[in-house]
Amino acid sequence: KEQAFNQHLASDGHIKESYRTIKVASSSLVNHSTNIEVQGWEALKCLLICSLLGLLSVAQADLQLGFYAKTCPKAESIVFQYVREHIPHAPSLAAALLRMHFHDCFVRGCDASVLLNSTSKTPAEKTAPPNLSLRGFSFIDQIKSLVEKECPGVVSCADIVSLVARDSVLVIGGPFWNVPTGRRDGLISNATEARNNIPAPNFNFTTLKNSFASKGLDLTDLFLLSGAHTIGVAHCSSFSSRLYNFTGKGDQDPALDPFYAANLKKNKCKVPNDTTTIVEMDPGSFRTFDLGYYKLLLKRRGLFQSDAALTTDPATKSSIIKIVSSPLEVFFKEFALSMEKMGRIEVLTGSAGEIRKNCAIVNS
């Protein structure tokens, strides 16, 4: 049995060193404990090997680069080709697809639950207020249909959402990040969970920090992922209270630059109840993935209260000042690391979930 296990181990470099360490430790203990019965050591050895097999199972079920290399080798190429062909004609969709990925991962993990339609019993995530302005569902569906023609029932909608977000940002000149694949699709989509888990634009710093921490993301991830707002747009309704009724007394948020606020009221959000007008979050370069968003924060010109909140924490504000004074490549590199980390939130792998045939409906 040990010989067979060693042969299996030889093909898994990820845990070879761990097994070697365990064997060395076991041998050392044997040398210094000669009074222990052989049967006891055989039991311990079995326990160690069984535990290691458990680790191996987890490692095999985890995400990995090139997960579809053998089962659907053209999958990632199909996704990228479609994105490269269509995003240049609708560059604003890049931000929408990136936002979709973010909203998906914050509810039940990155499992494409955001794509599911409501059922007769449960309203789906896409019907929750934070998701009513999401776009790009048909874009994902079209790519899914192309991948299904190539490899039926192999590539998950969750992986497609993750790949499309990365490729869309890349095509408009933004950073590249690794997207390990192997996610499976969730079976549940609940509007209440979306309402409770997606960070709101009126969050203060403490609430933001707690929201991100609940997903395994730290303060560095918080300020870096917020940088995606450099290509974002927002409806007036998302921040109009900062302009017209911040404390319920018809006042303006004092944290918002008064000249910027006056400009917004005059040219964009002209009435308090405007629900249709869209405002660029990084005016002048919202189609360029750059440092403009952070520079605006330091001028007190972030649109959302949650944007402004980033500068209320000394450590986070210091990080923003540092990233603004660094080459753009530094932001790209660090943003990429946080995106890859976000893409691993509570993923379903192995035999969990399913591979949906239609991204909007669970398999029958």
Protein backbone atom coordinates (compact mmCIF):
# COMPACT_ATOMS: atom_id res chain seq x y z
CA LYS A 1 0.00 0.00 0.00
CA GLU A 2 2.83 2.35 0.86
CA GLN A 3 4.54 1.61 -2.47
CA ALA A 4 1.32 2.40 -4.35
CA PHE A 5 0.87 5.60 -2.37
CA ASN A 6 4.44 6.66 -3.10
CA GLN A 7 3.86 6.11 -6.83
CA HIS A 8 0.72 8.25 -6.66
CA LEU A 9 2.61 10.85 -4.67
CA ALA A 10 5.31 11.10 -7.31
CA SER A 11 2.85 12.69 -9.72
CA ASP A 12 1.80 15.35 -7.20
CA GLY A 13 4.67 17.74 -6.59
CA HIS A 14 2.42 20.06 -4.56
CA ILE A 15 2.52 17.82 -1.50
CA LYS A 16 5.65 15.74 -2.06
CA GLU A 17 7.67 17.93 0.31
CA SER A 18 4.95 17.76 2.95
CA TYR A 19 4.98 13.95 2.85
CA ARG A 20 8.78 13.87 3.00
CA THR A 21 8.69 16.13 6.06
CA ILE A 22 6.18 13.87 7.76
CA LYS A 23 8.28 10.77 7.02
CA VAL A 24 11.42 12.43 8.40
CA ALA A 25 9.58 13.48 11.55
CA SER A 26 8.15 9.98 11.93
CA SER A 27 11.56 8.35 11.52
CA SER A 28 13.08 10.74 14.04
CA LEU A 29 10.42 9.87 16.57
CA VAL A 30 11.01 6.15 16.01
CA ASN A 31 14.75 6.56 16.65
CA HIS A 32 14.09 8.35 19.95
CA SER A 33 11.20 6.17 21.14
CA THR A 34 12.36 2.59 20.84
CA ASN A 35 10.05 1.46 23.65
CA ILE A 36 6.89 2.17 21.62
CA GLU A 37 5.34 -0.92 20.10
CA VAL A 38 5.56 -1.40 16.33
CA GLN A 39 1.79 -1.66 16.12
CA GLY A 40 1.46 1.80 17.58
CA TRP A 41 3.76 3.24 14.92
CA GLU A 42 1.93 1.45 12.15
CA ALA A 43 -1.30 3.05 13.36
CA LEU A 44 0.34 6.47 13.52
CA LYS A 45 1.79 5.97 10.05
CA CYS A 46 -1.62 5.05 8.71
CA LEU A 47 -3.11 8.15 10.35
CA LEU A 48 -0.47 10.39 8.80
CA ILE A 49 -0.95 8.90 5.35
CA CYS A 50 -4.75 9.17 5.58
CA SER A 51 -4.43 12.81 6.63
CA LEU A 52 -2.11 13.47 3.72
CA LEU A 53 -4.53 11.81 1.33
CA GLY A 54 -7.14 14.25 2.61
CA LEU A 55 -4.82 17.14 1.78
CA LEU A 56 -4.26 15.64 -1.66
CA SER A 57 -8.01 15.49 -2.23
CA VAL A 58 -8.34 19.17 -1.34
CA ALA A 59 -5.41 20.10 -3.58
CA GLN A 60 -6.92 18.22 -6.51
CA ALA A 61 -10.28 19.91 -5.97
CA ASP A 62 -8.81 23.41 -5.75
CA LEU A 63 -8.70 25.89 -8.61
CA GLN A 64 -5.79 25.60 -11.00
CA LEU A 65 -4.44 27.40 -14.02
CA GLY A 66 -5.31 25.56 -17.21
CA PHE A 67 -7.98 23.44 -15.54
CA TYR A 68 -9.61 22.78 -18.93
CA ALA A 69 -6.36 22.03 -20.77
CA LYS A 70 -7.41 18.45 -21.45
CA THR A 71 -11.20 18.57 -21.22
CA CYS A 72 -11.77 21.74 -23.27
CA PRO A 73 -8.42 23.13 -24.46
CA LYS A 74 -9.97 25.92 -26.54
CA ALA A 75 -12.24 27.24 -23.78
CA GLU A 76 -10.19 30.21 -22.62
CA SER A 77 -9.30 31.12 -26.20
CA ILE A 78 -12.99 31.16 -27.17
CA VAL A 79 -13.75 33.50 -24.28
CA PHE A 80 -10.90 35.86 -25.07
CA GLN A 81 -11.60 35.99 -28.81
CA TYR A 82 -15.23 36.95 -28.21
CA VAL A 83 -14.25 39.61 -25.67
CA ARG A 84 -11.56 41.02 -27.93
CA GLU A 85 -13.98 41.23 -30.82
CA HIS A 86 -16.88 42.91 -28.98
CA ILE A 87 -15.62 44.99 -26.04
CA PRO A 88 -13.84 47.59 -28.22
CA HIS A 89 -17.27 48.43 -29.69
CA ALA A 90 -18.82 48.74 -26.21
CA PRO A 91 -15.96 49.63 -23.84
CA SER A 92 -18.27 50.66 -21.00
CA LEU A 93 -19.32 47.03 -20.77
CA ALA A 94 -15.91 46.17 -19.32
CA ALA A 95 -16.80 47.93 -16.07
CA ALA A 96 -20.22 46.26 -16.02
CA LEU A 97 -18.72 42.79 -16.43
CA LEU A 98 -16.10 43.45 -13.76
CA ARG A 99 -18.86 44.63 -11.41
CA MET A 100 -20.88 41.50 -12.17
CA HIS A 101 -17.91 39.36 -11.12
CA PHE A 102 -17.55 41.33 -7.88
CA HIS A 103 -21.25 41.08 -7.04
CA ASP A 104 -21.24 37.37 -7.81
CA CYS A 105 -18.28 36.60 -5.54
CA PHE A 106 -19.70 38.52 -2.58
CA VAL A 107 -22.84 36.37 -2.49
CA ARG A 108 -22.27 32.64 -1.93
CA GLY A 109 -18.81 32.96 -3.45
CA CYS A 110 -17.84 33.00 -7.13
CA ASP A 111 -20.47 30.49 -8.26
CA ALA A 112 -22.41 32.38 -10.97
CA SER A 113 -25.46 32.55 -8.70
CA VAL A 114 -25.87 36.14 -9.88
CA LEU A 115 -26.82 34.80 -13.33
CA LEU A 116 -29.72 32.64 -12.18
CA ASN A 117 -33.31 33.65 -12.82
CA SER A 118 -35.90 33.80 -10.06
CA THR A 119 -38.00 30.75 -9.29
CA SER A 120 -41.65 30.62 -8.27
CA LYS A 121 -40.51 30.39 -4.65
CA THR A 122 -37.41 32.58 -4.46
CA PRO A 123 -36.52 35.93 -6.06
CA ALA A 124 -33.00 35.66 -7.50
CA GLU A 125 -29.97 37.83 -6.75
CA LYS A 126 -30.39 39.81 -9.95
CA THR A 127 -33.69 41.21 -8.60
CA ALA A 128 -32.07 42.68 -5.48
CA PRO A 129 -31.61 46.48 -5.47
CA PRO A 130 -27.78 46.35 -5.72
CA ASN A 131 -28.09 44.24 -8.88
CA LEU A 132 -30.91 45.99 -10.72
CA SER A 133 -28.37 48.01 -12.71
CA LEU A 134 -26.16 45.06 -13.60
CA ARG A 135 -25.49 44.63 -17.34
CA GLY A 136 -23.86 41.99 -19.47
CA PHE A 137 -26.04 38.94 -18.93
CA SER A 138 -26.59 38.37 -22.64
CA PHE A 139 -22.86 38.82 -23.23
CA ILE A 140 -22.14 35.96 -20.83
CA ASP A 141 -24.91 33.84 -22.38
CA GLN A 142 -23.45 34.26 -25.85
CA ILE A 143 -20.01 33.14 -24.73
CA LYS A 144 -21.51 30.22 -22.84
CA SER A 145 -23.30 29.05 -26.00
CA LEU A 146 -20.03 29.17 -27.96
CA VAL A 147 -18.19 27.20 -25.31
CA GLU A 148 -21.03 24.68 -25.07
CA LYS A 149 -20.78 24.01 -28.80
CA GLU A 150 -17.11 23.24 -28.37
CA CYS A 151 -17.34 21.24 -25.13
CA PRO A 152 -20.87 20.48 -23.91
CA GLY A 153 -21.29 20.37 -20.15
CA VAL A 154 -17.62 21.01 -19.30
CA VAL A 155 -17.00 24.70 -18.61
CA SER A 156 -18.86 26.38 -15.77
CA CYS A 157 -20.65 29.70 -15.97
CA ALA A 158 -18.70 30.74 -12.87
CA ASP A 159 -15.40 30.34 -14.71
CA ILE A 160 -16.77 32.20 -17.73
CA VAL A 161 -17.76 35.17 -15.55
CA SER A 162 -14.30 35.22 -13.99
CA LEU A 163 -12.49 34.98 -17.34
CA VAL A 164 -14.70 37.55 -19.03
CA ALA A 165 -14.09 40.10 -16.26
CA ARG A 166 -10.32 39.71 -16.61
CA ASP A 167 -10.30 39.71 -20.41
CA SER A 168 -12.61 42.72 -20.67
CA VAL A 169 -10.36 44.82 -18.45
CA LEU A 170 -7.30 43.65 -20.36
CA VAL A 171 -8.80 44.56 -23.74
CA ILE A 172 -9.43 48.18 -22.66
CA GLY A 173 -5.81 48.50 -21.54
CA GLY A 174 -6.12 47.45 -17.91
CA PRO A 175 -4.11 44.90 -15.95
CA PHE A 176 -3.86 41.18 -16.55
CA TRP A 177 -4.34 38.77 -13.67
CA ASN A 178 -4.25 35.01 -13.39
CA VAL A 179 -7.62 33.27 -13.38
CA PRO A 180 -7.24 29.74 -12.03
CA THR A 181 -10.26 27.75 -13.17
CA GLY A 182 -12.24 24.78 -11.94
CA ARG A 183 -15.15 26.63 -10.32
CA ARG A 184 -18.52 24.96 -10.41
CA ASP A 185 -21.92 26.61 -10.58
CA GLY A 186 -24.14 27.16 -7.56
CA LEU A 187 -27.70 25.90 -7.27
CA ILE A 188 -29.17 28.73 -5.20
CA SER A 189 -29.74 32.42 -5.87
CA ASN A 190 -31.46 34.55 -3.25
CA ALA A 191 -32.23 38.27 -3.49
CA THR A 192 -32.10 38.73 0.28
CA GLU A 193 -28.56 37.34 0.41
CA ALA A 194 -27.50 39.78 -2.29
CA ARG A 195 -29.04 42.68 -0.39
CA ASN A 196 -27.23 41.61 2.80
CA ASN A 197 -23.81 40.84 1.36
CA ILE A 198 -23.00 43.32 -1.41
CA PRO A 199 -21.27 46.45 -0.02
CA ALA A 200 -23.50 49.50 -0.34
CA PRO A 201 -22.40 52.92 -1.66
CA ASN A 202 -23.31 54.54 1.67
CA PHE A 203 -21.07 52.29 3.80
CA ASN A 204 -18.66 53.94 6.21
CA PHE A 205 -15.14 52.62 6.67
CA THR A 206 -15.93 50.23 9.52
CA THR A 207 -18.82 48.67 7.65
CA LEU A 208 -16.72 48.34 4.51
CA LYS A 209 -13.87 46.74 6.42
CA ASN A 210 -16.19 44.23 8.06
CA SER A 211 -17.89 43.42 4.77
CA PHE A 212 -14.61 42.65 3.05
CA ALA A 213 -13.23 40.79 6.06
CA SER A 214 -16.26 38.48 6.01
CA LYS A 215 -15.08 37.36 2.56
CA GLY A 216 -11.46 36.86 3.59
CA LEU A 217 -10.30 40.17 2.12
CA ASP A 218 -8.11 42.62 4.03
CA LEU A 219 -7.68 46.40 3.96
CA THR A 220 -5.19 46.18 1.10
CA ASP A 221 -7.74 44.29 -0.97
CA LEU A 222 -10.40 46.83 0.00
CA PHE A 223 -8.57 49.86 -1.32
CA LEU A 224 -7.15 48.06 -4.37
CA LEU A 225 -10.45 46.51 -5.50
CA SER A 226 -12.14 49.88 -5.00
CA GLY A 227 -9.74 51.10 -7.67
CA ALA A 228 -11.95 49.39 -10.24
CA HIS A 229 -14.14 52.50 -9.93
CA THR A 230 -11.64 54.16 -12.23
CA ILE A 231 -13.72 52.77 -15.12
CA GLY A 232 -17.05 52.90 -13.31
CA VAL A 233 -20.23 54.92 -13.68
CA ALA A 234 -23.00 55.47 -11.15
CA HIS A 235 -26.62 56.54 -11.11
CA CYS A 236 -27.41 59.75 -9.24
CA SER A 237 -29.64 57.78 -6.91
CA SER A 238 -26.55 56.03 -5.53
CA PHE A 239 -25.14 59.22 -4.03
CA SER A 240 -27.77 61.98 -4.30
CA SER A 241 -28.24 62.04 -0.52
CA ARG A 242 -24.69 63.41 -0.29
CA LEU A 243 -25.82 66.33 -2.41
CA TYR A 244 -29.30 67.04 -1.07
CA ASN A 245 -30.09 65.38 2.23
CA PHE A 246 -27.05 63.89 3.95
CA THR A 247 -28.31 63.97 7.54
CA GLY A 248 -32.02 64.29 6.80
CA LYS A 249 -31.98 68.08 7.11
CA GLY A 250 -31.59 69.02 3.46
CA ASP A 251 -27.85 69.38 3.87
CA GLN A 252 -24.80 68.36 1.88
CA ASP A 253 -22.08 65.91 2.90
CA PRO A 254 -19.25 68.05 4.28
CA ALA A 255 -16.75 65.37 3.22
CA LEU A 256 -17.56 66.07 -0.45
CA ASP A 257 -15.65 68.90 -2.15
CA PRO A 258 -18.23 71.75 -2.31
CA PHE A 259 -17.16 72.89 -5.77
CA TYR A 260 -17.49 69.36 -7.13
CA ALA A 261 -20.87 68.98 -5.42
CA ALA A 262 -22.09 72.24 -6.96
CA ASN A 263 -21.00 71.06 -10.40
CA LEU A 264 -22.82 67.75 -9.97
CA LYS A 265 -26.03 69.50 -8.90
CA LYS A 266 -25.85 71.96 -11.77
CA ASN A 267 -24.89 69.61 -14.62
CA LYS A 268 -25.75 66.05 -13.61
CA CYS A 269 -28.03 65.28 -10.67
CA LYS A 270 -30.24 68.35 -10.95
CA VAL A 271 -33.02 67.04 -8.72
CA PRO A 272 -32.87 64.87 -5.57
CA ASN A 273 -34.95 62.04 -7.01
CA ASP A 274 -33.09 61.57 -10.31
CA THR A 275 -32.96 57.81 -10.98
CA THR A 276 -31.81 57.78 -14.60
CA THR A 277 -28.80 60.07 -15.01
CA ILE A 278 -25.42 58.34 -15.07
CA VAL A 279 -22.25 59.97 -13.77
CA GLU A 280 -18.64 58.96 -14.45
CA MET A 281 -16.80 57.94 -11.30
CA ASP A 282 -13.50 59.08 -12.79
CA PRO A 283 -14.56 62.06 -14.95
CA GLY A 284 -12.44 62.56 -18.04
CA SER A 285 -10.83 59.11 -18.05
CA PHE A 286 -13.52 56.68 -17.01
CA ARG A 287 -12.68 54.47 -19.99
CA THR A 288 -9.03 54.33 -19.00
CA PHE A 289 -7.81 52.02 -16.25
CA ASP A 290 -5.55 54.44 -14.40
CA LEU A 291 -4.91 56.19 -11.09
CA GLY A 292 -7.46 58.95 -11.67
CA TYR A 293 -9.95 57.52 -9.17
CA TYR A 294 -7.44 57.62 -6.33
CA LYS A 295 -6.36 61.14 -7.20
CA LEU A 296 -9.99 62.26 -7.00
CA LEU A 297 -10.37 60.63 -3.57
CA LEU A 298 -7.51 62.74 -2.27
CA LYS A 299 -9.34 65.82 -3.60
CA ARG A 300 -12.53 64.73 -1.79
CA ARG A 301 -14.23 64.00 -5.10
CA GLY A 302 -15.22 60.37 -4.72
CA LEU A 303 -18.86 59.90 -5.70
CA PHE A 304 -19.93 57.34 -3.13
CA GLN A 305 -19.80 57.77 0.60
CA SER A 306 -17.96 54.44 0.58
CA ASP A 307 -15.35 55.97 -1.75
CA ALA A 308 -14.83 58.92 0.58
CA ALA A 309 -14.63 56.50 3.52
CA LEU A 310 -11.34 55.11 2.24
CA THR A 311 -9.58 58.33 3.16
CA THR A 312 -10.98 58.39 6.71
CA ASP A 313 -8.68 55.58 7.79
CA PRO A 314 -5.06 56.77 8.17
CA ALA A 315 -3.47 53.51 7.01
CA THR A 316 -5.68 53.21 3.95
CA LYS A 317 -5.22 56.86 3.05
CA SER A 318 -1.46 56.37 3.32
CA SER A 319 -1.72 53.41 0.93
CA ILE A 320 -3.67 55.55 -1.54
CA ILE A 321 -1.06 58.31 -1.40
CA LYS A 322 1.66 55.72 -1.95
CA ILE A 323 -0.07 54.10 -4.95
CA VAL A 324 -0.72 57.50 -6.54
CA SER A 325 2.95 58.41 -6.30
CA SER A 326 4.05 55.07 -7.81
CA PRO A 327 4.22 54.02 -11.47
CA LEU A 328 0.93 52.74 -12.89
CA GLU A 329 2.47 49.28 -13.20
CA VAL A 330 2.60 49.02 -9.40
CA PHE A 331 -1.16 49.51 -9.17
CA PHE A 332 -1.71 47.01 -11.98
CA LYS A 333 0.40 44.38 -10.24
CA GLU A 334 -1.22 44.81 -6.83
CA PHE A 335 -4.74 45.07 -8.24
CA ALA A 336 -4.12 41.80 -10.10
CA LEU A 337 -3.19 40.00 -6.88
CA SER A 338 -6.34 41.18 -5.11
CA MET A 339 -8.52 40.21 -8.09
CA GLU A 340 -7.11 36.70 -8.10
CA LYS A 341 -7.72 36.49 -4.36
CA MET A 342 -11.30 37.71 -4.77
CA GLY A 343 -11.89 35.14 -7.50
CA ARG A 344 -11.26 32.37 -4.98
CA ILE A 345 -13.95 33.42 -2.49
CA GLU A 346 -15.98 30.41 -1.34
CA VAL A 347 -15.67 28.65 -4.70
CA LEU A 348 -17.39 25.36 -5.38
CA THR A 349 -15.02 22.72 -6.74
CA GLY A 350 -14.79 18.98 -7.18
CA SER A 351 -18.27 17.46 -7.09
CA ALA A 352 -19.98 20.43 -5.41
CA GLY A 353 -22.57 22.35 -7.41
CA GLU A 354 -22.88 21.59 -11.10
CA ILE A 355 -21.88 22.68 -14.59
CA ARG A 356 -24.95 24.52 -15.85
CA LYS A 357 -26.04 24.04 -19.44
CA ASN A 358 -27.83 27.38 -19.35
CA CYS A 359 -26.32 30.01 -17.06
CA ALA A 360 -29.72 31.38 -16.05
CA ILE A 361 -31.27 28.05 -15.03
CA VAL A 362 -30.11 25.17 -12.86
CA ASN A 363 -29.96 21.82 -14.62
CA SER A 364 -33.12 19.74 -14.41
